[in-house]
Amino acid sequence: MDNTTLTGHMISRRMNESSELTRRTALGLSLGVLTSLGGCLSQSLSIQEIEDDTTEAGTITALVAVANDGSSATSAQLTVQCNVISGDTYTKTRQITVVGSRTNTYRFEFDVQDSEVDNRYEIAASISKDRLSFLGQL
């Protein structure tokens, strides 16, 4: 079963994974948005695609493609979470900058317990603008 769920500012995927190397792609429109000081929403950065691989060794690799529809470079915080159903949740965060009219792909690796790779898991990615960084740019 492979479902893609869009909620709020997040795109996520749920799936059953076997212990052998697998690769699946989740495509969808992104609701990843940046919140500016005035409370307006900016559509410049969006999550375009999430790909993942799992290995028998217990590593889940998530590749997250982020597009910038604006004309100038935009920076934000990209958070990727791997939630193993009936297991642990792993979260990684990275500051990113995407040049205008470009798409960048970011790689996140989660070392999970071997036994958890057999379980269902959810990969979620979200984009958020750090207000303090935004203030510093004014």
N, C-alpha and C. Protein backbone atom coordinates (compact mmCIF):
# COMPACT_ATOMS: atom_id res chain seq x y z
N MET A 1 0.84 -1.17 0.00
CA MET A 1 0.00 0.00 0.00
C MET A 1 0.89 1.23 0.00
N ASP A 2 0.66 2.16 -0.88
CA ASP A 2 1.48 3.36 -1.00
C ASP A 2 0.55 4.56 -1.06
N ASN A 3 0.56 5.36 -0.04
CA ASN A 3 -0.30 6.53 0.02
C ASN A 3 0.53 7.79 0.13
N THR A 4 0.10 8.85 -0.53
CA THR A 4 0.70 10.16 -0.37
C THR A 4 -0.32 11.04 0.31
N THR A 5 0.09 11.71 1.38
CA THR A 5 -0.81 12.55 2.14
C THR A 5 -0.27 13.97 2.18
N LEU A 6 -1.11 14.95 1.84
CA LEU A 6 -0.73 16.34 1.94
C LEU A 6 -1.51 16.97 3.09
N THR A 7 -0.81 17.50 4.08
CA THR A 7 -1.47 18.14 5.20
C THR A 7 -0.73 19.41 5.57
N GLY A 8 -1.44 20.53 5.63
CA GLY A 8 -0.83 21.79 6.05
C GLY A 8 0.36 22.16 5.21
N HIS A 9 1.51 22.28 5.86
CA HIS A 9 2.75 22.66 5.19
C HIS A 9 3.64 21.45 4.97
N MET A 10 3.06 20.29 4.84
CA MET A 10 3.85 19.05 4.84
C MET A 10 3.40 18.11 3.72
N ILE A 11 4.34 17.43 3.15
CA ILE A 11 4.02 16.33 2.24
C ILE A 11 4.59 15.07 2.88
N SER A 12 3.82 14.01 2.92
CA SER A 12 4.30 12.80 3.56
C SER A 12 3.87 11.58 2.77
N ARG A 13 4.52 10.47 3.03
CA ARG A 13 4.25 9.21 2.38
C ARG A 13 4.20 8.09 3.39
N ARG A 14 3.32 7.13 3.16
CA ARG A 14 3.29 5.91 3.97
C ARG A 14 3.40 4.72 3.04
N MET A 15 4.08 3.69 3.52
CA MET A 15 4.24 2.51 2.67
C MET A 15 4.65 1.29 3.49
N ASN A 16 4.50 0.14 2.90
CA ASN A 16 5.08 -1.09 3.43
C ASN A 16 6.38 -1.31 2.70
N GLU A 17 7.42 -1.62 3.43
CA GLU A 17 8.72 -1.85 2.80
C GLU A 17 9.20 -3.25 3.16
N SER A 18 9.79 -3.93 2.21
CA SER A 18 10.41 -5.22 2.51
C SER A 18 11.85 -4.98 2.91
N SER A 19 12.53 -6.02 3.36
CA SER A 19 13.90 -5.85 3.83
C SER A 19 14.91 -5.75 2.68
N GLU A 20 14.48 -6.02 1.46
CA GLU A 20 15.41 -5.87 0.34
C GLU A 20 15.35 -4.44 -0.17
N LEU A 21 16.37 -4.07 -0.92
CA LEU A 21 16.46 -2.71 -1.43
C LEU A 21 15.25 -2.40 -2.29
N THR A 22 14.54 -1.34 -1.94
CA THR A 22 13.38 -0.93 -2.72
C THR A 22 13.48 0.56 -3.02
N ARG A 23 12.76 0.96 -4.03
CA ARG A 23 12.77 2.37 -4.40
C ARG A 23 11.38 2.74 -4.89
N ARG A 24 10.84 3.76 -4.28
CA ARG A 24 9.53 4.24 -4.68
C ARG A 24 9.57 5.75 -4.74
N THR A 25 8.74 6.30 -5.55
CA THR A 25 8.72 7.75 -5.71
C THR A 25 7.34 8.28 -5.39
N ALA A 26 7.31 9.35 -4.63
CA ALA A 26 6.04 10.02 -4.35
C ALA A 26 6.07 11.37 -5.04
N LEU A 27 5.13 11.56 -5.95
CA LEU A 27 5.01 12.84 -6.63
C LEU A 27 3.73 13.50 -6.16
N GLY A 28 3.73 14.78 -6.10
CA GLY A 28 2.52 15.48 -5.74
C GLY A 28 2.75 16.95 -5.64
N LEU A 29 1.69 17.66 -5.66
CA LEU A 29 1.81 19.09 -5.44
C LEU A 29 2.20 19.33 -4.00
N SER A 30 2.95 20.35 -3.78
CA SER A 30 3.42 20.63 -2.43
C SER A 30 2.61 21.74 -1.81
N LEU A 31 2.38 21.57 -0.54
CA LEU A 31 1.80 22.64 0.24
C LEU A 31 2.86 23.27 1.12
N GLY A 32 4.14 22.96 0.84
CA GLY A 32 5.23 23.57 1.58
C GLY A 32 5.27 25.05 1.23
N VAL A 33 5.07 25.88 2.22
CA VAL A 33 5.03 27.32 1.99
C VAL A 33 5.86 28.02 3.03
N LEU A 34 6.24 29.22 2.73
CA LEU A 34 6.99 30.06 3.65
C LEU A 34 6.05 31.09 4.24
N THR A 35 6.20 31.34 5.53
CA THR A 35 5.39 32.34 6.19
C THR A 35 6.24 33.58 6.40
N SER A 36 5.80 34.71 5.89
CA SER A 36 6.55 35.95 6.05
C SER A 36 6.06 36.69 7.29
N LEU A 37 6.71 37.79 7.64
CA LEU A 37 6.36 38.54 8.84
C LEU A 37 4.93 39.05 8.81
N GLY A 38 4.45 39.45 7.67
CA GLY A 38 3.10 40.01 7.57
C GLY A 38 2.02 38.97 7.58
N GLY A 39 2.37 37.72 7.71
CA GLY A 39 1.37 36.66 7.73
C GLY A 39 0.95 36.23 6.33
N CYS A 40 1.55 36.80 5.30
CA CYS A 40 1.24 36.42 3.93
C CYS A 40 1.98 35.13 3.60
N LEU A 41 1.46 34.39 2.65
CA LEU A 41 2.11 33.15 2.25
C LEU A 41 2.88 33.37 0.96
N SER A 42 4.08 32.84 0.90
CA SER A 42 4.91 32.91 -0.30
C SER A 42 4.96 31.53 -0.92
N GLN A 43 4.72 31.45 -2.20
CA GLN A 43 4.70 30.16 -2.89
C GLN A 43 6.05 29.83 -3.53
N SER A 44 7.12 30.58 -3.21
CA SER A 44 8.37 30.42 -3.95
C SER A 44 9.05 29.06 -3.74
N LEU A 45 9.08 28.50 -2.54
CA LEU A 45 9.69 27.19 -2.31
C LEU A 45 8.60 26.15 -2.12
N SER A 46 8.79 25.00 -2.78
CA SER A 46 7.82 23.92 -2.62
C SER A 46 8.52 22.58 -2.76
N ILE A 47 8.00 21.59 -2.07
CA ILE A 47 8.51 20.23 -2.15
C ILE A 47 7.88 19.58 -3.37
N GLN A 48 8.71 19.16 -4.31
CA GLN A 48 8.23 18.61 -5.57
C GLN A 48 8.18 17.09 -5.57
N GLU A 49 9.10 16.45 -4.87
CA GLU A 49 9.21 14.99 -4.96
C GLU A 49 9.94 14.46 -3.73
N ILE A 50 9.54 13.27 -3.30
CA ILE A 50 10.26 12.55 -2.26
C ILE A 50 10.54 11.15 -2.80
N GLU A 51 11.80 10.75 -2.80
CA GLU A 51 12.20 9.38 -3.16
C GLU A 51 12.86 8.77 -1.94
N ASP A 52 12.75 7.46 -1.81
CA ASP A 52 13.44 6.82 -0.69
C ASP A 52 13.92 5.43 -1.08
N ASP A 53 14.98 5.02 -0.44
CA ASP A 53 15.54 3.68 -0.57
C ASP A 53 15.68 3.10 0.83
N THR A 54 15.48 1.80 0.94
CA THR A 54 15.75 1.11 2.20
C THR A 54 16.69 -0.04 1.92
N THR A 55 17.54 -0.35 2.88
CA THR A 55 18.47 -1.46 2.73
C THR A 55 18.29 -2.44 3.87
N GLU A 56 18.78 -3.65 3.68
CA GLU A 56 18.73 -4.66 4.73
C GLU A 56 19.54 -4.23 5.95
N ALA A 57 20.52 -3.37 5.73
CA ALA A 57 21.37 -2.91 6.84
C ALA A 57 20.64 -1.95 7.77
N GLY A 58 19.47 -1.50 7.39
CA GLY A 58 18.71 -0.63 8.27
C GLY A 58 18.87 0.85 8.00
N THR A 59 19.24 1.21 6.79
CA THR A 59 19.35 2.62 6.44
C THR A 59 18.20 3.00 5.52
N ILE A 60 17.54 4.08 5.85
CA ILE A 60 16.51 4.65 4.98
C ILE A 60 17.07 5.96 4.45
N THR A 61 17.14 6.09 3.14
CA THR A 61 17.64 7.31 2.51
C THR A 61 16.46 8.02 1.87
N ALA A 62 16.29 9.30 2.21
CA ALA A 62 15.24 10.12 1.61
C ALA A 62 15.89 11.19 0.75
N LEU A 63 15.44 11.30 -0.48
CA LEU A 63 15.86 12.37 -1.39
C LEU A 63 14.66 13.30 -1.57
N VAL A 64 14.85 14.57 -1.21
CA VAL A 64 13.76 15.54 -1.25
C VAL A 64 14.11 16.62 -2.27
N ALA A 65 13.27 16.77 -3.29
CA ALA A 65 13.47 17.81 -4.31
C ALA A 65 12.66 19.04 -3.93
N VAL A 66 13.35 20.19 -3.84
CA VAL A 66 12.72 21.46 -3.48
C VAL A 66 12.90 22.42 -4.64
N ALA A 67 11.79 22.99 -5.12
CA ALA A 67 11.81 23.92 -6.25
C ALA A 67 11.59 25.34 -5.75
N ASN A 68 12.23 26.28 -6.42
CA ASN A 68 12.03 27.71 -6.16
C ASN A 68 11.38 28.30 -7.40
N ASP A 69 10.11 28.68 -7.29
CA ASP A 69 9.38 29.27 -8.41
C ASP A 69 9.63 30.77 -8.53
N GLY A 70 10.31 31.35 -7.54
CA GLY A 70 10.60 32.77 -7.57
C GLY A 70 11.78 33.08 -8.47
N SER A 71 12.07 34.37 -8.60
CA SER A 71 13.16 34.79 -9.48
C SER A 71 14.48 34.99 -8.75
N SER A 72 14.44 35.01 -7.41
CA SER A 72 15.68 35.20 -6.65
C SER A 72 15.87 34.05 -5.66
N ALA A 73 17.09 33.91 -5.17
CA ALA A 73 17.41 32.84 -4.22
C ALA A 73 16.58 32.99 -2.95
N THR A 74 16.13 31.86 -2.42
CA THR A 74 15.34 31.85 -1.20
C THR A 74 15.91 30.81 -0.25
N SER A 75 16.04 31.19 1.03
CA SER A 75 16.55 30.29 2.06
C SER A 75 15.42 29.91 3.01
N ALA A 76 15.51 28.71 3.54
CA ALA A 76 14.52 28.22 4.49
C ALA A 76 15.10 27.03 5.23
N GLN A 77 14.32 26.50 6.14
CA GLN A 77 14.69 25.30 6.88
C GLN A 77 13.90 24.13 6.33
N LEU A 78 14.60 23.07 5.93
CA LEU A 78 13.97 21.85 5.43
C LEU A 78 14.07 20.79 6.52
N THR A 79 12.92 20.27 6.93
CA THR A 79 12.86 19.23 7.95
C THR A 79 12.30 17.96 7.33
N VAL A 80 13.00 16.85 7.54
CA VAL A 80 12.55 15.55 7.04
C VAL A 80 12.43 14.62 8.24
N GLN A 81 11.31 13.92 8.30
CA GLN A 81 11.05 13.03 9.42
C GLN A 81 10.73 11.64 8.90
N CYS A 82 11.33 10.63 9.53
CA CYS A 82 11.06 9.23 9.23
C CYS A 82 10.39 8.64 10.47
N ASN A 83 9.10 8.34 10.35
CA ASN A 83 8.33 7.80 11.46
C ASN A 83 8.05 6.33 11.18
N VAL A 84 8.71 5.45 11.90
CA VAL A 84 8.48 4.01 11.75
C VAL A 84 7.23 3.67 12.56
N ILE A 85 6.23 3.12 11.88
CA ILE A 85 4.98 2.76 12.54
C ILE A 85 5.29 1.69 13.59
N SER A 86 4.82 1.88 14.79
CA SER A 86 5.10 1.00 15.94
C SER A 86 6.59 0.97 16.26
N GLY A 87 7.28 2.06 15.99
CA GLY A 87 8.72 2.16 16.25
C GLY A 87 9.11 3.58 16.58
N ASP A 88 10.36 3.91 16.31
CA ASP A 88 10.89 5.23 16.63
C ASP A 88 10.62 6.23 15.52
N THR A 89 10.77 7.51 15.87
CA THR A 89 10.69 8.61 14.91
C THR A 89 12.05 9.28 14.84
N TYR A 90 12.52 9.51 13.62
CA TYR A 90 13.83 10.14 13.39
C TYR A 90 13.60 11.44 12.63
N THR A 91 14.25 12.52 13.08
CA THR A 91 14.07 13.84 12.46
C THR A 91 15.42 14.46 12.14
N LYS A 92 15.54 15.03 10.95
CA LYS A 92 16.74 15.77 10.56
C LYS A 92 16.31 17.09 9.94
N THR A 93 17.10 18.14 10.22
CA THR A 93 16.80 19.48 9.74
C THR A 93 18.03 20.06 9.07
N ARG A 94 17.82 20.84 8.02
CA ARG A 94 18.93 21.46 7.31
C ARG A 94 18.48 22.83 6.78
N GLN A 95 19.37 23.82 6.89
CA GLN A 95 19.13 25.13 6.27
C GLN A 95 19.45 24.98 4.78
N ILE A 96 18.55 25.44 3.93
CA ILE A 96 18.76 25.31 2.49
C ILE A 96 18.60 26.66 1.80
N THR A 97 19.23 26.80 0.66
CA THR A 97 19.04 27.95 -0.22
C THR A 97 18.88 27.41 -1.64
N VAL A 98 17.80 27.83 -2.29
CA VAL A 98 17.55 27.41 -3.66
C VAL A 98 17.54 28.66 -4.54
N VAL A 99 18.37 28.65 -5.58
CA VAL A 99 18.45 29.76 -6.53
C VAL A 99 17.12 29.88 -7.27
N GLY A 100 16.76 31.10 -7.66
CA GLY A 100 15.50 31.33 -8.37
C GLY A 100 15.36 30.47 -9.61
N SER A 101 14.15 29.99 -9.84
CA SER A 101 13.80 29.16 -11.00
C SER A 101 14.61 27.87 -11.10
N ARG A 102 15.02 27.32 -9.97
CA ARG A 102 15.80 26.07 -9.94
C ARG A 102 15.16 25.07 -8.98
N THR A 103 15.62 23.82 -9.07
CA THR A 103 15.23 22.77 -8.14
C THR A 103 16.50 22.12 -7.60
N ASN A 104 16.58 21.97 -6.29
CA ASN A 104 17.70 21.28 -5.64
C ASN A 104 17.17 20.01 -4.99
N THR A 105 18.01 18.97 -4.95
CA THR A 105 17.66 17.73 -4.27
C THR A 105 18.57 17.56 -3.07
N TYR A 106 17.97 17.26 -1.92
CA TYR A 106 18.70 17.11 -0.66
C TYR A 106 18.55 15.68 -0.18
N ARG A 107 19.67 15.12 0.32
CA ARG A 107 19.73 13.72 0.77
C ARG A 107 19.76 13.67 2.30
N PHE A 108 18.90 12.84 2.87
CA PHE A 108 18.86 12.61 4.31
C PHE A 108 18.95 11.11 4.54
N GLU A 109 19.82 10.69 5.47
CA GLU A 109 19.94 9.26 5.79
C GLU A 109 19.53 9.03 7.24
N PHE A 110 18.72 8.00 7.44
CA PHE A 110 18.26 7.62 8.77
C PHE A 110 18.74 6.19 9.04
N ASP A 111 19.57 6.03 10.07
CA ASP A 111 20.03 4.70 10.48
C ASP A 111 19.05 4.16 11.50
N VAL A 112 18.19 3.27 11.05
CA VAL A 112 17.17 2.70 11.93
C VAL A 112 17.58 1.28 12.28
N GLN A 113 16.96 0.74 13.32
CA GLN A 113 17.27 -0.63 13.71
C GLN A 113 16.84 -1.59 12.60
N ASP A 114 17.64 -2.65 12.41
CA ASP A 114 17.35 -3.62 11.36
C ASP A 114 15.91 -4.12 11.41
N SER A 115 15.40 -4.37 12.60
CA SER A 115 14.05 -4.91 12.74
C SER A 115 12.99 -3.89 12.32
N GLU A 116 13.31 -2.59 12.39
CA GLU A 116 12.32 -1.57 12.03
C GLU A 116 12.16 -1.40 10.53
N VAL A 117 13.16 -1.81 9.75
CA VAL A 117 13.08 -1.64 8.30
C VAL A 117 11.92 -2.46 7.72
N ASP A 118 11.59 -3.59 8.35
CA ASP A 118 10.49 -4.42 7.88
C ASP A 118 9.13 -3.79 8.15
N ASN A 119 9.07 -2.85 9.06
CA ASN A 119 7.80 -2.22 9.42
C ASN A 119 7.42 -1.14 8.40
N ARG A 120 6.16 -0.76 8.45
CA ARG A 120 5.71 0.38 7.66
C ARG A 120 6.33 1.64 8.24
N TYR A 121 6.60 2.59 7.39
CA TYR A 121 7.10 3.87 7.88
C TYR A 121 6.55 5.00 7.02
N GLU A 122 6.66 6.19 7.56
CA GLU A 122 6.19 7.39 6.89
C GLU A 122 7.35 8.36 6.76
N ILE A 123 7.53 8.91 5.57
CA ILE A 123 8.52 9.97 5.34
C ILE A 123 7.74 11.26 5.15
N ALA A 124 8.10 12.29 5.92
CA ALA A 124 7.44 13.59 5.80
C ALA A 124 8.49 14.67 5.65
N ALA A 125 8.20 15.66 4.83
CA ALA A 125 9.13 16.78 4.63
C ALA A 125 8.34 18.07 4.72
N SER A 126 8.95 19.07 5.35
CA SER A 126 8.30 20.37 5.45
C SER A 126 9.33 21.48 5.30
N ILE A 127 8.86 22.62 4.85
CA ILE A 127 9.70 23.80 4.66
C ILE A 127 9.16 24.89 5.57
N SER A 128 10.07 25.56 6.28
CA SER A 128 9.64 26.69 7.11
C SER A 128 10.69 27.78 7.06
N LYS A 129 10.23 29.00 7.11
CA LYS A 129 11.11 30.17 7.09
C LYS A 129 11.41 30.53 8.53
N ASP A 130 12.68 30.69 8.87
CA ASP A 130 13.09 31.11 10.21
C ASP A 130 12.89 32.61 10.31
N ARG A 131 11.97 33.03 11.17
CA ARG A 131 11.66 34.46 11.28
C ARG A 131 12.85 35.29 11.72
N LEU A 132 13.71 34.77 12.58
CA LEU A 132 14.88 35.53 13.01
C LEU A 132 15.83 35.77 11.84
N SER A 133 16.01 34.77 11.00
CA SER A 133 16.85 34.95 9.82
C SER A 133 16.23 35.97 8.89
N PHE A 134 14.90 35.92 8.77
CA PHE A 134 14.20 36.85 7.91
C PHE A 134 14.39 38.28 8.42
N LEU A 135 14.30 38.49 9.73
CA LEU A 135 14.50 39.81 10.32
C LEU A 135 15.89 40.33 10.03
N GLY A 136 16.88 39.45 10.08
CA GLY A 136 18.25 39.85 9.83
C GLY A 136 18.48 40.29 8.39
N GLN A 137 17.59 39.88 7.47
CA GLN A 137 17.75 40.24 6.06
C GLN A 137 17.11 41.57 5.73
N LEU A 138 16.32 42.14 6.65
CA LEU A 138 15.64 43.41 6.38
C LEU A 138 16.59 44.57 6.39
